[in-house]
Amino acid sequence: MSKKLWLATAIVLGGTTIVPMQQAFADDWPPPLKTDPLYTVVDGYKVDSATMEGFRTWRQAACDRCHGANQEGLVGPSLLESMKQLPYEEFSKVIRDGRVEKGMQSFGSSEVVMKNIAKMYAYLKGRSDGAITRAKVEEIKTEEAK
């Protein structure tokens, strides 16, 4: 089925209409990006709750299978490098639509990824900027944030 047809088609099952995820996010795409600050990091690996959710989403989507556990690239490119230049709008588009010709799958049908795309961007941007110094992070405890 073509992508345009998929986006335009709603599946009706037992009187319930199920709208594809891409269509559900079409009106407010991309989701807003928190930028003040984009992420908060303490000691190079302790992050704010939103950035922590971005890390969890990265792991749940198994992005490390192609981009490596440390985002340095495997069959997919190093995100430590590409995220230095990749604006949020382009990142969101690539995650939602994929780059099928390059082997990048679409995550547009993943509710978890679509819901947390801005948080995933913050996590990967923090890694690329060098503020997050290791791939596995922990959430900042309340007393550490002060």
C-alpha atoms as a PDB file:
ATOM      1  CA  MET A   1       0.000   0.000   0.000  1.00  0.00           C
ATOM      2  CA  SER A   2       1.410   3.413  -0.899  1.00  0.00           C
ATOM      3  CA  LYS A   3       2.288   5.811   1.899  1.00  0.00           C
ATOM      4  CA  LYS A   4      -0.264   8.383   0.717  1.00  0.00           C
ATOM      5  CA  LEU A   5      -2.979   5.763   0.646  1.00  0.00           C
ATOM      6  CA  TRP A   6      -1.929   4.511   4.090  1.00  0.00           C
ATOM      7  CA  LEU A   7      -2.098   8.017   5.535  1.00  0.00           C
ATOM      8  CA  ALA A   8      -5.492   8.644   3.978  1.00  0.00           C
ATOM      9  CA  THR A   9      -6.977   5.318   5.060  1.00  0.00           C
ATOM     10  CA  ALA A  10      -8.654   4.674   8.397  1.00  0.00           C
ATOM     11  CA  ILE A  11      -9.291   1.079   9.344  1.00  0.00           C
ATOM     12  CA  VAL A  12     -12.768   0.357  10.609  1.00  0.00           C
ATOM     13  CA  LEU A  13     -13.094  -2.599  12.957  1.00  0.00           C
ATOM     14  CA  GLY A  14     -16.334  -3.327  14.785  1.00  0.00           C
ATOM     15  CA  GLY A  15     -17.523   0.264  14.469  1.00  0.00           C
ATOM     16  CA  THR A  16     -14.242   1.694  15.859  1.00  0.00           C
ATOM     17  CA  THR A  17     -12.119   3.871  13.614  1.00  0.00           C
ATOM     18  CA  ILE A  18      -8.378   3.442  14.033  1.00  0.00           C
ATOM     19  CA  VAL A  19      -6.374   6.317  12.577  1.00  0.00           C
ATOM     20  CA  PRO A  20      -2.752   5.632  11.550  1.00  0.00           C
ATOM     21  CA  MET A  21      -0.189   7.315  13.840  1.00  0.00           C
ATOM     22  CA  GLN A  22       1.214   9.503  11.032  1.00  0.00           C
ATOM     23  CA  GLN A  23      -2.224  10.943  10.417  1.00  0.00           C
ATOM     24  CA  ALA A  24      -2.902  11.433  14.124  1.00  0.00           C
ATOM     25  CA  PHE A  25       0.227  13.601  14.404  1.00  0.00           C
ATOM     26  CA  ALA A  26      -0.197  15.423  11.075  1.00  0.00           C
ATOM     27  CA  ASP A  27      -1.886  18.515  12.523  1.00  0.00           C
ATOM     28  CA  ASP A  28       0.707  19.293  15.166  1.00  0.00           C
ATOM     29  CA  TRP A  29       3.875  17.920  13.631  1.00  0.00           C
ATOM     30  CA  PRO A  30       6.515  18.048  14.855  1.00  0.00           C
ATOM     31  CA  PRO A  31       5.615  18.042  18.544  1.00  0.00           C
ATOM     32  CA  PRO A  32       6.886  21.066  20.485  1.00  0.00           C
ATOM     33  CA  LEU A  33      10.512  20.981  21.588  1.00  0.00           C
ATOM     34  CA  LYS A  34      11.398  22.198  25.088  1.00  0.00           C
ATOM     35  CA  THR A  35      14.454  24.407  24.578  1.00  0.00           C
ATOM     36  CA  ASP A  36      15.018  26.279  27.811  1.00  0.00           C
ATOM     37  CA  PRO A  37      17.083  24.229  28.471  1.00  0.00           C
ATOM     38  CA  LEU A  38      16.918  21.424  25.915  1.00  0.00           C
ATOM     39  CA  TYR A  39      18.424  19.054  28.485  1.00  0.00           C
ATOM     40  CA  THR A  40      19.975  19.204  31.943  1.00  0.00           C
ATOM     41  CA  VAL A  41      23.043  17.100  32.781  1.00  0.00           C
ATOM     42  CA  VAL A  42      24.948  16.641  36.036  1.00  0.00           C
ATOM     43  CA  ASP A  43      28.309  14.824  36.199  1.00  0.00           C
ATOM     44  CA  GLY A  44      28.070  13.876  32.514  1.00  0.00           C
ATOM     45  CA  TYR A  45      25.482  11.114  32.938  1.00  0.00           C
ATOM     46  CA  LYS A  46      22.692  12.247  35.255  1.00  0.00           C
ATOM     47  CA  VAL A  47      19.875  13.836  33.281  1.00  0.00           C
ATOM     48  CA  ASP A  48      16.498  15.494  33.773  1.00  0.00           C
ATOM     49  CA  SER A  49      13.354  13.360  33.622  1.00  0.00           C
ATOM     50  CA  ALA A  50      12.439  14.318  30.032  1.00  0.00           C
ATOM     51  CA  THR A  51      15.914  13.445  28.729  1.00  0.00           C
ATOM     52  CA  MET A  52      15.758  10.196  30.701  1.00  0.00           C
ATOM     53  CA  GLU A  53      12.497   9.367  28.919  1.00  0.00           C
ATOM     54  CA  GLY A  54      14.273  10.067  25.621  1.00  0.00           C
ATOM     55  CA  PHE A  55      16.969   7.546  26.577  1.00  0.00           C
ATOM     56  CA  ARG A  56      14.302   4.968  27.497  1.00  0.00           C
ATOM     57  CA  THR A  57      12.561   5.530  24.170  1.00  0.00           C
ATOM     58  CA  TRP A  58      15.890   5.100  22.323  1.00  0.00           C
ATOM     59  CA  ARG A  59      16.392   1.762  24.094  1.00  0.00           C
ATOM     60  CA  GLN A  60      12.800   0.593  23.617  1.00  0.00           C
ATOM     61  CA  ALA A  61      12.927   1.335  19.882  1.00  0.00           C
ATOM     62  CA  ALA A  62      16.204  -0.664  19.694  1.00  0.00           C
ATOM     63  CA  CYS A  63      17.954   2.107  17.758  1.00  0.00           C
ATOM     64  CA  ASP A  64      21.261   0.716  19.009  1.00  0.00           C
ATOM     65  CA  ARG A  65      20.905  -2.243  16.620  1.00  0.00           C
ATOM     66  CA  CYS A  66      21.876   0.046  13.747  1.00  0.00           C
ATOM     67  CA  HIS A  67      23.422   3.118  15.384  1.00  0.00           C
ATOM     68  CA  GLY A  68      25.397   1.309  18.104  1.00  0.00           C
ATOM     69  CA  ALA A  69      24.962   1.249  21.873  1.00  0.00           C
ATOM     70  CA  ASN A  70      27.095   4.401  22.138  1.00  0.00           C
ATOM     71  CA  GLN A  71      25.504   6.084  19.089  1.00  0.00           C
ATOM     72  CA  GLU A  72      28.836   5.787  17.220  1.00  0.00           C
ATOM     73  CA  GLY A  73      27.303   3.902  14.301  1.00  0.00           C
ATOM     74  CA  LEU A  74      27.169   0.326  13.054  1.00  0.00           C
ATOM     75  CA  VAL A  75      25.216  -0.267   9.841  1.00  0.00           C
ATOM     76  CA  GLY A  76      23.584   3.129  10.465  1.00  0.00           C
ATOM     77  CA  PRO A  77      25.571   6.345  10.793  1.00  0.00           C
ATOM     78  CA  SER A  78      27.142   7.764  13.931  1.00  0.00           C
ATOM     79  CA  LEU A  79      24.544   9.931  15.601  1.00  0.00           C
ATOM     80  CA  LEU A  80      27.261  11.640  17.637  1.00  0.00           C
ATOM     81  CA  GLU A  81      28.312  13.284  14.377  1.00  0.00           C
ATOM     82  CA  SER A  82      25.081  13.642  12.418  1.00  0.00           C
ATOM     83  CA  MET A  83      23.163  15.149  15.368  1.00  0.00           C
ATOM     84  CA  LYS A  84      25.621  18.070  15.442  1.00  0.00           C
ATOM     85  CA  GLN A  85      24.032  19.344  12.219  1.00  0.00           C
ATOM     86  CA  LEU A  86      20.534  17.855  12.284  1.00  0.00           C
ATOM     87  CA  PRO A  87      17.754  20.313  13.215  1.00  0.00           C
ATOM     88  CA  TYR A  88      14.800  19.047  15.222  1.00  0.00           C
ATOM     89  CA  GLU A  89      12.344  19.313  12.321  1.00  0.00           C
ATOM     90  CA  GLU A  90      14.530  17.121  10.079  1.00  0.00           C
ATOM     91  CA  PHE A  91      15.212  14.650  12.908  1.00  0.00           C
ATOM     92  CA  SER A  92      11.463  14.332  13.518  1.00  0.00           C
ATOM     93  CA  LYS A  93      10.773  13.776   9.838  1.00  0.00           C
ATOM     94  CA  VAL A  94      13.457  11.075   9.542  1.00  0.00           C
ATOM     95  CA  ILE A  95      12.204   9.235  12.628  1.00  0.00           C
ATOM     96  CA  ARG A  96       8.567   9.458  11.526  1.00  0.00           C
ATOM     97  CA  ASP A  97       9.076   8.644   7.828  1.00  0.00           C
ATOM     98  CA  GLY A  98      12.380   6.757   7.838  1.00  0.00           C
ATOM     99  CA  ARG A  99      14.959   6.769   5.055  1.00  0.00           C
ATOM    100  CA  VAL A 100      14.000   3.520   3.425  1.00  0.00           C
ATOM    101  CA  GLU A 101      16.482   3.943   0.563  1.00  0.00           C
ATOM    102  CA  LYS A 102      19.281   3.997   3.172  1.00  0.00           C
ATOM    103  CA  GLY A 103      17.825   1.208   5.314  1.00  0.00           C
ATOM    104  CA  MET A 104      16.302   3.449   8.013  1.00  0.00           C
ATOM    105  CA  GLN A 105      12.874   2.182   8.991  1.00  0.00           C
ATOM    106  CA  SER A 106       9.928   4.438   9.782  1.00  0.00           C
ATOM    107  CA  PHE A 107       8.842   4.733  13.403  1.00  0.00           C
ATOM    108  CA  GLY A 108       5.672   6.625  12.463  1.00  0.00           C
ATOM    109  CA  SER A 109       3.467   3.786  13.678  1.00  0.00           C
ATOM    110  CA  SER A 110       5.201   3.534  17.071  1.00  0.00           C
ATOM    111  CA  GLU A 111       3.097   5.403  19.617  1.00  0.00           C
ATOM    112  CA  VAL A 112       5.936   5.412  22.170  1.00  0.00           C
ATOM    113  CA  VAL A 113       8.450   6.899  19.725  1.00  0.00           C
ATOM    114  CA  MET A 114       6.027   9.468  18.312  1.00  0.00           C
ATOM    115  CA  LYS A 115       4.971  10.565  21.805  1.00  0.00           C
ATOM    116  CA  ASN A 116       8.595  10.953  22.971  1.00  0.00           C
ATOM    117  CA  ILE A 117      10.340  12.164  19.820  1.00  0.00           C
ATOM    118  CA  ALA A 118      11.280  15.565  21.299  1.00  0.00           C
ATOM    119  CA  LYS A 119      12.690  13.852  24.392  1.00  0.00           C
ATOM    120  CA  MET A 120      14.674  11.425  22.251  1.00  0.00           C
ATOM    121  CA  TYR A 121      16.055  14.384  20.301  1.00  0.00           C
ATOM    122  CA  ALA A 122      17.135  16.021  23.580  1.00  0.00           C
ATOM    123  CA  TYR A 123      18.935  12.847  24.701  1.00  0.00           C
ATOM    124  CA  LEU A 124      20.737  12.381  21.385  1.00  0.00           C
ATOM    125  CA  LYS A 125      21.574  16.085  21.131  1.00  0.00           C
ATOM    126  CA  GLY A 126      23.079  15.958  24.629  1.00  0.00           C
ATOM    127  CA  ARG A 127      25.213  12.990  23.536  1.00  0.00           C
ATOM    128  CA  SER A 128      26.255  14.752  20.329  1.00  0.00           C
ATOM    129  CA  ASP A 129      27.039  18.024  22.121  1.00  0.00           C
ATOM    130  CA  GLY A 130      29.294  16.116  24.532  1.00  0.00           C
ATOM    131  CA  ALA A 131      27.280  17.165  27.598  1.00  0.00           C
ATOM    132  CA  ILE A 132      26.139  13.565  28.156  1.00  0.00           C
ATOM    133  CA  THR A 133      29.434  11.703  28.285  1.00  0.00           C
ATOM    134  CA  ARG A 134      28.193   8.126  28.343  1.00  0.00           C
ATOM    135  CA  ALA A 135      25.351   6.384  26.544  1.00  0.00           C
ATOM    136  CA  LYS A 136      23.649   4.937  29.621  1.00  0.00           C
ATOM    137  CA  VAL A 137      22.239   7.675  31.818  1.00  0.00           C
ATOM    138  CA  GLU A 138      20.504   7.992  35.169  1.00  0.00           C
ATOM    139  CA  GLU A 139      17.826  10.406  36.240  1.00  0.00           C
ATOM    140  CA  ILE A 140      18.940  13.323  38.409  1.00  0.00           C
ATOM    141  CA  LYS A 141      17.798  12.893  41.991  1.00  0.00           C
ATOM    142  CA  THR A 142      15.984  15.893  43.485  1.00  0.00           C
ATOM    143  CA  GLU A 143      18.849  16.833  45.839  1.00  0.00           C
ATOM    144  CA  GLU A 144      21.382  16.704  42.956  1.00  0.00           C
ATOM    145  CA  ALA A 145      19.364  19.189  40.904  1.00  0.00           C
ATOM    146  CA  LYS A 146      19.812  21.921  43.542  1.00  0.00           C
END
